[in-house]
Amino acid sequence: MLVLGVVFVVILVLSIVILTKRQLKDSNERKISSELVLKRSFQPPSGKKSEKMLFQIYILLAAWMMRKNSMKPFEKQSFVVVYIHDKFKIDSLVTANELDLVNETSIHVRSVANWIVQKMPDSKERADLIDFLIDLVFVDGDMIDREFTALIRLGELIGVRSMYIENKVIEFRKRIFGQSNNARLHEIANSGTRRKFALAILDLSLNATDEEIKKRYRTLAKKYHPDGNLDLSEEQKTTYAQRFLEIQDAYEELISN
């Protein structure tokens, strides 16, 4: 009986070890080997343009845009999954998996924009990408300033005119609300105005140098980063998180110009 007991324990331990290894392997494979895997650095894909690469670009920018507004994340992810399936015939599980992977780290939007400029010379193709992001944004019913600013900034980087984006948003809002605050949109679309707003958020003068901008960003980002403020109350955490997002947006705006 004692021998049988020892054998049983050994078998049980071996089973646990094998199961654990298999789970780790499955987890690693999920991270590095889906049907259309994105690089862990989440830089744009290299090589000749292909449908798979375009899929990756759409996923990267969808995830980037969803971070601008946390409202209705499930509905937005569902929209992306359906859109990607219709456009690229990609399995829904693959798309959902790639979105999860992208959401685990930062996205280098300027690098993505450079890829688009190099690999997507057709202006209609780039406009279609912007249209997709606008449709995504309005899944929750409206567009906030952060989202519009991000769209305008991306448009500037990839050669889609701000007027095109502004008119598309106005049309969308008119269909939903019957009207749109055109003056506010036009103000945000002005790069000079956005720069002033960004400098004010970082508490810098209008003639701040690149080095001053980078230094202030690092200081404020460290101060307001959620990981460094875990001991705060829930209300304070929310305030700091919002401030951190504003700081990130302001820095993105300044370095993009």
C-alpha atoms as a PDB file:
ATOM      1  CA  MET A   1       0.000   0.000   0.000  1.00  0.00           C
ATOM      2  CA  LEU A   2       2.830   2.357   0.875  1.00  0.00           C
ATOM      3  CA  VAL A   3       4.475   1.739  -2.513  1.00  0.00           C
ATOM      4  CA  LEU A   4       1.203   2.353  -4.315  1.00  0.00           C
ATOM      5  CA  GLY A   5       0.769   5.547  -2.336  1.00  0.00           C
ATOM      6  CA  VAL A   6       4.236   6.758  -3.305  1.00  0.00           C
ATOM      7  CA  VAL A   7       3.617   5.869  -6.951  1.00  0.00           C
ATOM      8  CA  PHE A   8       0.309   7.734  -6.867  1.00  0.00           C
ATOM      9  CA  VAL A   9       1.962  10.847  -5.425  1.00  0.00           C
ATOM     10  CA  VAL A  10       4.749  10.721  -8.036  1.00  0.00           C
ATOM     11  CA  ILE A  11       2.228  10.370 -10.857  1.00  0.00           C
ATOM     12  CA  LEU A  12       0.182  13.240  -9.432  1.00  0.00           C
ATOM     13  CA  VAL A  13       3.241  15.506  -9.195  1.00  0.00           C
ATOM     14  CA  LEU A  14       4.339  14.626 -12.732  1.00  0.00           C
ATOM     15  CA  SER A  15       0.826  15.309 -14.026  1.00  0.00           C
ATOM     16  CA  ILE A  16       0.797  18.741 -12.374  1.00  0.00           C
ATOM     17  CA  VAL A  17       4.239  19.565 -13.814  1.00  0.00           C
ATOM     18  CA  ILE A  18       3.227  18.448 -17.318  1.00  0.00           C
ATOM     19  CA  LEU A  19      -0.056  20.365 -17.119  1.00  0.00           C
ATOM     20  CA  THR A  20       1.718  23.503 -15.902  1.00  0.00           C
ATOM     21  CA  LYS A  21       4.280  23.283 -18.712  1.00  0.00           C
ATOM     22  CA  ARG A  22       1.508  22.787 -21.252  1.00  0.00           C
ATOM     23  CA  GLN A  23      -0.377  25.828 -19.935  1.00  0.00           C
ATOM     24  CA  LEU A  24       2.780  27.929 -20.111  1.00  0.00           C
ATOM     25  CA  LYS A  25       3.447  26.677 -23.631  1.00  0.00           C
ATOM     26  CA  ASP A  26      -0.112  27.471 -24.704  1.00  0.00           C
ATOM     27  CA  SER A  27       0.181  30.924 -23.151  1.00  0.00           C
ATOM     28  CA  ASN A  28       3.479  31.592 -24.914  1.00  0.00           C
ATOM     29  CA  GLU A  29       2.116  30.322 -28.194  1.00  0.00           C
ATOM     30  CA  ARG A  30      -0.871  32.630 -27.829  1.00  0.00           C
ATOM     31  CA  LYS A  31       1.524  35.519 -27.449  1.00  0.00           C
ATOM     32  CA  ILE A  32       3.950  34.677 -30.245  1.00  0.00           C
ATOM     33  CA  SER A  33       2.188  32.424 -32.716  1.00  0.00           C
ATOM     34  CA  SER A  34      -1.380  33.289 -33.654  1.00  0.00           C
ATOM     35  CA  GLU A  35      -2.384  32.914 -37.290  1.00  0.00           C
ATOM     36  CA  LEU A  36      -1.309  36.495 -37.982  1.00  0.00           C
ATOM     37  CA  VAL A  37       1.000  37.402 -35.136  1.00  0.00           C
ATOM     38  CA  LEU A  38       2.052  40.970 -34.406  1.00  0.00           C
ATOM     39  CA  LYS A  39       5.610  41.661 -33.285  1.00  0.00           C
ATOM     40  CA  ARG A  40       5.946  41.989 -29.524  1.00  0.00           C
ATOM     41  CA  SER A  41       7.409  45.465 -30.025  1.00  0.00           C
ATOM     42  CA  PHE A  42       4.221  46.355 -31.900  1.00  0.00           C
ATOM     43  CA  GLN A  43       6.137  48.260 -34.521  1.00  0.00           C
ATOM     44  CA  PRO A  44       4.626  48.159 -38.038  1.00  0.00           C
ATOM     45  CA  PRO A  45       5.326  45.005 -40.081  1.00  0.00           C
ATOM     46  CA  SER A  46       8.297  44.903 -42.455  1.00  0.00           C
ATOM     47  CA  GLY A  47       8.520  43.672 -46.025  1.00  0.00           C
ATOM     48  CA  LYS A  48       6.275  44.090 -49.034  1.00  0.00           C
ATOM     49  CA  LYS A  49       2.731  45.302 -48.450  1.00  0.00           C
ATOM     50  CA  SER A  50       0.185  42.496 -48.069  1.00  0.00           C
ATOM     51  CA  GLU A  51      -3.342  41.963 -46.780  1.00  0.00           C
ATOM     52  CA  LYS A  52      -1.895  40.515 -43.568  1.00  0.00           C
ATOM     53  CA  MET A  53       0.155  43.670 -43.020  1.00  0.00           C
ATOM     54  CA  LEU A  54      -2.854  45.906 -43.652  1.00  0.00           C
ATOM     55  CA  PHE A  55      -4.771  43.843 -41.112  1.00  0.00           C
ATOM     56  CA  GLN A  56      -2.040  44.510 -38.563  1.00  0.00           C
ATOM     57  CA  ILE A  57      -2.116  48.243 -39.247  1.00  0.00           C
ATOM     58  CA  TYR A  58      -5.885  48.330 -38.753  1.00  0.00           C
ATOM     59  CA  ILE A  59      -5.532  46.430 -35.468  1.00  0.00           C
ATOM     60  CA  LEU A  60      -2.759  48.696 -34.181  1.00  0.00           C
ATOM     61  CA  LEU A  61      -4.682  51.882 -34.903  1.00  0.00           C
ATOM     62  CA  ALA A  62      -7.981  50.481 -33.616  1.00  0.00           C
ATOM     63  CA  ALA A  63      -6.353  49.627 -30.284  1.00  0.00           C
ATOM     64  CA  TRP A  64      -4.635  53.016 -30.173  1.00  0.00           C
ATOM     65  CA  MET A  65      -7.915  54.831 -30.785  1.00  0.00           C
ATOM     66  CA  MET A  66      -9.845  52.753 -28.246  1.00  0.00           C
ATOM     67  CA  ARG A  67      -7.396  53.903 -25.571  1.00  0.00           C
ATOM     68  CA  LYS A  68      -8.502  57.489 -26.122  1.00  0.00           C
ATOM     69  CA  ASN A  69     -11.931  56.747 -24.666  1.00  0.00           C
ATOM     70  CA  SER A  70     -12.697  53.760 -22.424  1.00  0.00           C
ATOM     71  CA  MET A  71     -16.479  53.876 -22.954  1.00  0.00           C
ATOM     72  CA  LYS A  72     -18.166  50.708 -24.296  1.00  0.00           C
ATOM     73  CA  PRO A  73     -14.988  48.656 -24.865  1.00  0.00           C
ATOM     74  CA  PHE A  74     -16.878  45.431 -25.608  1.00  0.00           C
ATOM     75  CA  GLU A  75     -19.037  47.096 -28.256  1.00  0.00           C
ATOM     76  CA  LYS A  76     -15.986  48.704 -29.850  1.00  0.00           C
ATOM     77  CA  GLN A  77     -14.061  45.437 -29.924  1.00  0.00           C
ATOM     78  CA  SER A  78     -17.087  43.726 -31.448  1.00  0.00           C
ATOM     79  CA  PHE A  79     -17.247  46.410 -34.146  1.00  0.00           C
ATOM     80  CA  VAL A  80     -13.556  45.905 -34.979  1.00  0.00           C
ATOM     81  CA  VAL A  81     -13.956  42.125 -35.144  1.00  0.00           C
ATOM     82  CA  VAL A  82     -16.917  42.356 -37.539  1.00  0.00           C
ATOM     83  CA  TYR A  83     -15.281  45.045 -39.679  1.00  0.00           C
ATOM     84  CA  ILE A  84     -12.009  43.104 -39.981  1.00  0.00           C
ATOM     85  CA  HIS A  85     -13.855  39.925 -40.879  1.00  0.00           C
ATOM     86  CA  ASP A  86     -15.804  41.697 -43.624  1.00  0.00           C
ATOM     87  CA  LYS A  87     -12.774  43.513 -45.025  1.00  0.00           C
ATOM     88  CA  PHE A  88      -9.991  40.940 -44.653  1.00  0.00           C
ATOM     89  CA  LYS A  89     -11.891  37.665 -44.077  1.00  0.00           C
ATOM     90  CA  ILE A  90      -9.935  37.156 -40.850  1.00  0.00           C
ATOM     91  CA  ASP A  91     -11.318  34.755 -38.252  1.00  0.00           C
ATOM     92  CA  SER A  92     -12.999  36.604 -35.387  1.00  0.00           C
ATOM     93  CA  LEU A  93     -10.964  34.791 -32.728  1.00  0.00           C
ATOM     94  CA  VAL A  94      -7.717  35.814 -34.424  1.00  0.00           C
ATOM     95  CA  THR A  95      -8.778  39.470 -34.471  1.00  0.00           C
ATOM     96  CA  ALA A  96      -9.881  39.404 -30.831  1.00  0.00           C
ATOM     97  CA  ASN A  97      -6.597  37.739 -29.855  1.00  0.00           C
ATOM     98  CA  GLU A  98      -4.511  40.342 -31.687  1.00  0.00           C
ATOM     99  CA  LEU A  99      -6.437  43.162 -30.019  1.00  0.00           C
ATOM    100  CA  ASP A 100      -5.686  41.615 -26.619  1.00  0.00           C
ATOM    101  CA  LEU A 101      -1.980  41.370 -27.484  1.00  0.00           C
ATOM    102  CA  VAL A 102      -1.751  44.964 -28.697  1.00  0.00           C
ATOM    103  CA  ASN A 103      -3.506  46.211 -25.566  1.00  0.00           C
ATOM    104  CA  GLU A 104      -0.686  44.785 -23.435  1.00  0.00           C
ATOM    105  CA  THR A 105       1.897  47.353 -24.490  1.00  0.00           C
ATOM    106  CA  SER A 106       2.541  50.728 -26.111  1.00  0.00           C
ATOM    107  CA  ILE A 107       1.899  51.529 -29.765  1.00  0.00           C
ATOM    108  CA  HIS A 108       4.369  53.590 -31.790  1.00  0.00           C
ATOM    109  CA  VAL A 109       1.914  55.692 -33.801  1.00  0.00           C
ATOM    110  CA  ARG A 110       4.550  57.695 -35.643  1.00  0.00           C
ATOM    111  CA  SER A 111       6.158  54.474 -36.874  1.00  0.00           C
ATOM    112  CA  VAL A 112       2.760  53.184 -37.947  1.00  0.00           C
ATOM    113  CA  ALA A 113       2.123  56.463 -39.786  1.00  0.00           C
ATOM    114  CA  ASN A 114       5.494  56.249 -41.555  1.00  0.00           C
ATOM    115  CA  TRP A 115       4.611  52.730 -42.716  1.00  0.00           C
ATOM    116  CA  ILE A 116       1.259  53.959 -44.054  1.00  0.00           C
ATOM    117  CA  VAL A 117       2.912  56.787 -45.994  1.00  0.00           C
ATOM    118  CA  GLN A 118       5.426  54.375 -47.544  1.00  0.00           C
ATOM    119  CA  LYS A 119       3.141  51.404 -48.212  1.00  0.00           C
ATOM    120  CA  MET A 120      -0.249  53.049 -48.817  1.00  0.00           C
ATOM    121  CA  PRO A 121       0.300  55.731 -51.471  1.00  0.00           C
ATOM    122  CA  ASP A 122      -3.345  55.604 -52.583  1.00  0.00           C
ATOM    123  CA  SER A 123      -5.123  58.537 -50.919  1.00  0.00           C
ATOM    124  CA  LYS A 124      -8.458  56.687 -50.952  1.00  0.00           C
ATOM    125  CA  GLU A 125      -6.919  53.761 -49.090  1.00  0.00           C
ATOM    126  CA  ARG A 126      -5.684  56.098 -46.376  1.00  0.00           C
ATOM    127  CA  ALA A 127      -9.041  57.878 -46.246  1.00  0.00           C
ATOM    128  CA  ASP A 128     -10.764  54.492 -45.836  1.00  0.00           C
ATOM    129  CA  LEU A 129      -8.531  53.841 -42.818  1.00  0.00           C
ATOM    130  CA  ILE A 130      -9.569  57.167 -41.274  1.00  0.00           C
ATOM    131  CA  ASP A 131     -13.225  56.390 -42.026  1.00  0.00           C
ATOM    132  CA  PHE A 132     -12.855  53.083 -40.170  1.00  0.00           C
ATOM    133  CA  LEU A 133     -11.482  54.871 -37.103  1.00  0.00           C
ATOM    134  CA  ILE A 134     -14.277  57.465 -37.205  1.00  0.00           C
ATOM    135  CA  ASP A 135     -16.873  54.680 -37.360  1.00  0.00           C
ATOM    136  CA  LEU A 136     -15.144  53.004 -34.421  1.00  0.00           C
ATOM    137  CA  VAL A 137     -15.169  56.168 -32.342  1.00  0.00           C
ATOM    138  CA  PHE A 138     -18.909  56.692 -32.838  1.00  0.00           C
ATOM    139  CA  VAL A 139     -19.768  53.206 -31.598  1.00  0.00           C
ATOM    140  CA  ASP A 140     -20.324  54.773 -28.158  1.00  0.00           C
ATOM    141  CA  GLY A 141     -22.577  57.483 -29.622  1.00  0.00           C
ATOM    142  CA  ASP A 142     -20.266  60.497 -29.917  1.00  0.00           C
ATOM    143  CA  MET A 143     -16.683  61.684 -30.217  1.00  0.00           C
ATOM    144  CA  ILE A 144     -14.752  63.394 -27.432  1.00  0.00           C
ATOM    145  CA  ASP A 145     -12.003  65.986 -27.956  1.00  0.00           C
ATOM    146  CA  ARG A 146      -9.206  63.474 -27.286  1.00  0.00           C
ATOM    147  CA  GLU A 147     -10.450  61.214 -30.049  1.00  0.00           C
ATOM    148  CA  PHE A 148     -10.875  64.024 -32.563  1.00  0.00           C
ATOM    149  CA  THR A 149      -7.444  65.412 -31.744  1.00  0.00           C
ATOM    150  CA  ALA A 150      -5.906  61.957 -32.254  1.00  0.00           C
ATOM    151  CA  LEU A 151      -7.634  61.582 -35.629  1.00  0.00           C
ATOM    152  CA  ILE A 152      -6.486  65.005 -36.791  1.00  0.00           C
ATOM    153  CA  ARG A 153      -2.923  64.303 -35.679  1.00  0.00           C
ATOM    154  CA  LEU A 154      -2.897  60.930 -37.437  1.00  0.00           C
ATOM    155  CA  GLY A 155      -4.340  62.543 -40.544  1.00  0.00           C
ATOM    156  CA  GLU A 156      -1.525  65.080 -40.582  1.00  0.00           C
ATOM    157  CA  LEU A 157       1.036  62.282 -40.315  1.00  0.00           C
ATOM    158  CA  ILE A 158      -0.409  60.178 -43.151  1.00  0.00           C
ATOM    159  CA  GLY A 159      -1.541  62.950 -45.488  1.00  0.00           C
ATOM    160  CA  VAL A 160      -5.305  63.008 -44.894  1.00  0.00           C
ATOM    161  CA  ARG A 161      -6.504  66.607 -44.705  1.00  0.00           C
ATOM    162  CA  SER A 162      -8.015  67.831 -41.454  1.00  0.00           C
ATOM    163  CA  MET A 163     -10.946  69.307 -43.390  1.00  0.00           C
ATOM    164  CA  TYR A 164     -11.843  65.829 -44.648  1.00  0.00           C
ATOM    165  CA  ILE A 165     -11.875  64.445 -41.090  1.00  0.00           C
ATOM    166  CA  GLU A 166     -13.746  67.464 -39.748  1.00  0.00           C
ATOM    167  CA  ASN A 167     -16.478  67.172 -42.412  1.00  0.00           C
ATOM    168  CA  LYS A 168     -16.859  63.437 -41.792  1.00  0.00           C
ATOM    169  CA  VAL A 169     -17.338  64.021 -38.066  1.00  0.00           C
ATOM    170  CA  ILE A 170     -19.819  66.831 -38.708  1.00  0.00           C
ATOM    171  CA  GLU A 171     -21.848  64.555 -40.999  1.00  0.00           C
ATOM    172  CA  PHE A 172     -21.824  61.811 -38.368  1.00  0.00           C
ATOM    173  CA  ARG A 173     -22.967  64.139 -35.599  1.00  0.00           C
ATOM    174  CA  LYS A 174     -25.715  65.621 -37.745  1.00  0.00           C
ATOM    175  CA  ARG A 175     -27.091  62.137 -38.411  1.00  0.00           C
ATOM    176  CA  ILE A 176     -27.103  61.385 -34.682  1.00  0.00           C
ATOM    177  CA  PHE A 177     -27.962  64.728 -33.078  1.00  0.00           C
ATOM    178  CA  GLY A 178     -29.225  66.858 -35.958  1.00  0.00           C
ATOM    179  CA  GLN A 179     -26.389  69.349 -35.390  1.00  0.00           C
ATOM    180  CA  SER A 180     -22.684  69.627 -34.557  1.00  0.00           C
ATOM    181  CA  ASN A 181     -20.412  72.050 -32.696  1.00  0.00           C
ATOM    182  CA  ASN A 182     -18.425  72.985 -35.790  1.00  0.00           C
ATOM    183  CA  ALA A 183     -16.569  75.842 -34.106  1.00  0.00           C
ATOM    184  CA  ARG A 184     -15.091  73.525 -31.483  1.00  0.00           C
ATOM    185  CA  LEU A 185     -14.012  71.003 -34.110  1.00  0.00           C
ATOM    186  CA  HIS A 186     -12.438  73.701 -36.233  1.00  0.00           C
ATOM    187  CA  GLU A 187     -10.563  75.043 -33.221  1.00  0.00           C
ATOM    188  CA  ILE A 188      -9.107  71.620 -32.418  1.00  0.00           C
ATOM    189  CA  ALA A 189      -8.229  71.015 -36.071  1.00  0.00           C
ATOM    190  CA  ASN A 190      -5.964  74.078 -36.002  1.00  0.00           C
ATOM    191  CA  SER A 191      -2.431  72.840 -35.282  1.00  0.00           C
ATOM    192  CA  GLY A 192      -1.355  76.146 -33.727  1.00  0.00           C
ATOM    193  CA  THR A 193      -4.226  76.029 -31.251  1.00  0.00           C
ATOM    194  CA  ARG A 194      -3.501  72.407 -30.364  1.00  0.00           C
ATOM    195  CA  ARG A 195       0.145  73.249 -29.696  1.00  0.00           C
ATOM    196  CA  LYS A 196      -0.862  76.041 -27.311  1.00  0.00           C
ATOM    197  CA  PHE A 197      -3.213  73.678 -25.476  1.00  0.00           C
ATOM    198  CA  ALA A 198      -0.506  71.003 -25.247  1.00  0.00           C
ATOM    199  CA  LEU A 199       2.098  73.401 -23.862  1.00  0.00           C
ATOM    200  CA  ALA A 200      -0.411  74.678 -21.308  1.00  0.00           C
ATOM    201  CA  ILE A 201      -1.132  71.126 -20.122  1.00  0.00           C
ATOM    202  CA  LEU A 202       2.598  70.584 -19.574  1.00  0.00           C
ATOM    203  CA  ASP A 203       2.844  74.044 -17.985  1.00  0.00           C
ATOM    204  CA  LEU A 204       5.435  75.236 -20.514  1.00  0.00           C
ATOM    205  CA  SER A 205       5.933  78.538 -22.314  1.00  0.00           C
ATOM    206  CA  LEU A 206       5.126  78.962 -26.014  1.00  0.00           C
ATOM    207  CA  ASN A 207       8.840  79.017 -26.888  1.00  0.00           C
ATOM    208  CA  ALA A 208       9.718  75.811 -24.976  1.00  0.00           C
ATOM    209  CA  THR A 209      12.529  73.788 -26.548  1.00  0.00           C
ATOM    210  CA  ASP A 210      12.316  70.101 -27.460  1.00  0.00           C
ATOM    211  CA  GLU A 211      14.592  69.249 -24.546  1.00  0.00           C
ATOM    212  CA  GLU A 212      12.370  71.191 -22.112  1.00  0.00           C
ATOM    213  CA  ILE A 213       9.287  69.417 -23.463  1.00  0.00           C
ATOM    214  CA  LYS A 214      10.870  65.977 -23.042  1.00  0.00           C
ATOM    215  CA  LYS A 215      12.123  66.778 -19.543  1.00  0.00           C
ATOM    216  CA  ARG A 216       8.745  68.094 -18.375  1.00  0.00           C
ATOM    217  CA  TYR A 217       6.937  65.131 -19.901  1.00  0.00           C
ATOM    218  CA  ARG A 218       9.175  62.626 -18.089  1.00  0.00           C
ATOM    219  CA  THR A 219       8.668  64.442 -14.782  1.00  0.00           C
ATOM    220  CA  LEU A 220       4.880  64.675 -15.070  1.00  0.00           C
ATOM    221  CA  ALA A 221       4.449  61.166 -16.478  1.00  0.00           C
ATOM    222  CA  LYS A 222       6.358  59.722 -13.534  1.00  0.00           C
ATOM    223  CA  LYS A 223       4.296  61.765 -11.081  1.00  0.00           C
ATOM    224  CA  TYR A 224       0.880  60.810 -12.472  1.00  0.00           C
ATOM    225  CA  HIS A 225       1.496  57.285 -13.798  1.00  0.00           C
ATOM    226  CA  PRO A 226      -1.118  54.878 -12.334  1.00  0.00           C
ATOM    227  CA  ASP A 227       1.533  52.321 -11.318  1.00  0.00           C
ATOM    228  CA  GLY A 228       3.162  54.879  -9.056  1.00  0.00           C
ATOM    229  CA  ASN A 229      -0.025  55.898  -7.251  1.00  0.00           C
ATOM    230  CA  LEU A 230      -1.539  52.642  -6.059  1.00  0.00           C
ATOM    231  CA  ASP A 231      -1.994  53.902  -2.493  1.00  0.00           C
ATOM    232  CA  LEU A 232      -4.331  56.750  -3.453  1.00  0.00           C
ATOM    233  CA  SER A 233      -8.088  56.713  -2.969  1.00  0.00           C
ATOM    234  CA  GLU A 234     -10.222  55.581  -5.913  1.00  0.00           C
ATOM    235  CA  GLU A 235     -11.268  59.165  -6.581  1.00  0.00           C
ATOM    236  CA  GLN A 236      -7.636  60.337  -6.590  1.00  0.00           C
ATOM    237  CA  LYS A 237      -6.630  57.420  -8.829  1.00  0.00           C
ATOM    238  CA  THR A 238      -9.260  58.452 -11.354  1.00  0.00           C
ATOM    239  CA  THR A 239      -8.066  62.061 -11.261  1.00  0.00           C
ATOM    240  CA  TYR A 240      -4.416  61.068 -11.665  1.00  0.00           C
ATOM    241  CA  ALA A 241      -5.237  58.635 -14.471  1.00  0.00           C
ATOM    242  CA  GLN A 242      -7.082  61.347 -16.381  1.00  0.00           C
ATOM    243  CA  ARG A 243      -4.205  63.753 -15.854  1.00  0.00           C
ATOM    244  CA  PHE A 244      -1.754  61.102 -17.071  1.00  0.00           C
ATOM    245  CA  LEU A 245      -3.750  60.645 -20.284  1.00  0.00           C
ATOM    246  CA  GLU A 246      -3.830  64.407 -20.851  1.00  0.00           C
ATOM    247  CA  ILE A 247      -0.054  64.545 -20.403  1.00  0.00           C
ATOM    248  CA  GLN A 248       0.440  61.727 -22.904  1.00  0.00           C
ATOM    249  CA  ASP A 249      -1.813  63.395 -25.454  1.00  0.00           C
ATOM    250  CA  ALA A 250      -0.060  66.729 -25.025  1.00  0.00           C
ATOM    251  CA  TYR A 251       3.354  65.137 -25.508  1.00  0.00           C
ATOM    252  CA  GLU A 252       2.176  63.216 -28.577  1.00  0.00           C
ATOM    253  CA  GLU A 253       0.889  66.457 -30.054  1.00  0.00           C
ATOM    254  CA  LEU A 254       4.136  68.304 -29.467  1.00  0.00           C
ATOM    255  CA  ILE A 255       6.471  65.608 -30.765  1.00  0.00           C
ATOM    256  CA  SER A 256       4.301  64.975 -33.823  1.00  0.00           C
ATOM    257  CA  ASN A 257       4.999  68.519 -34.944  1.00  0.00           C
END
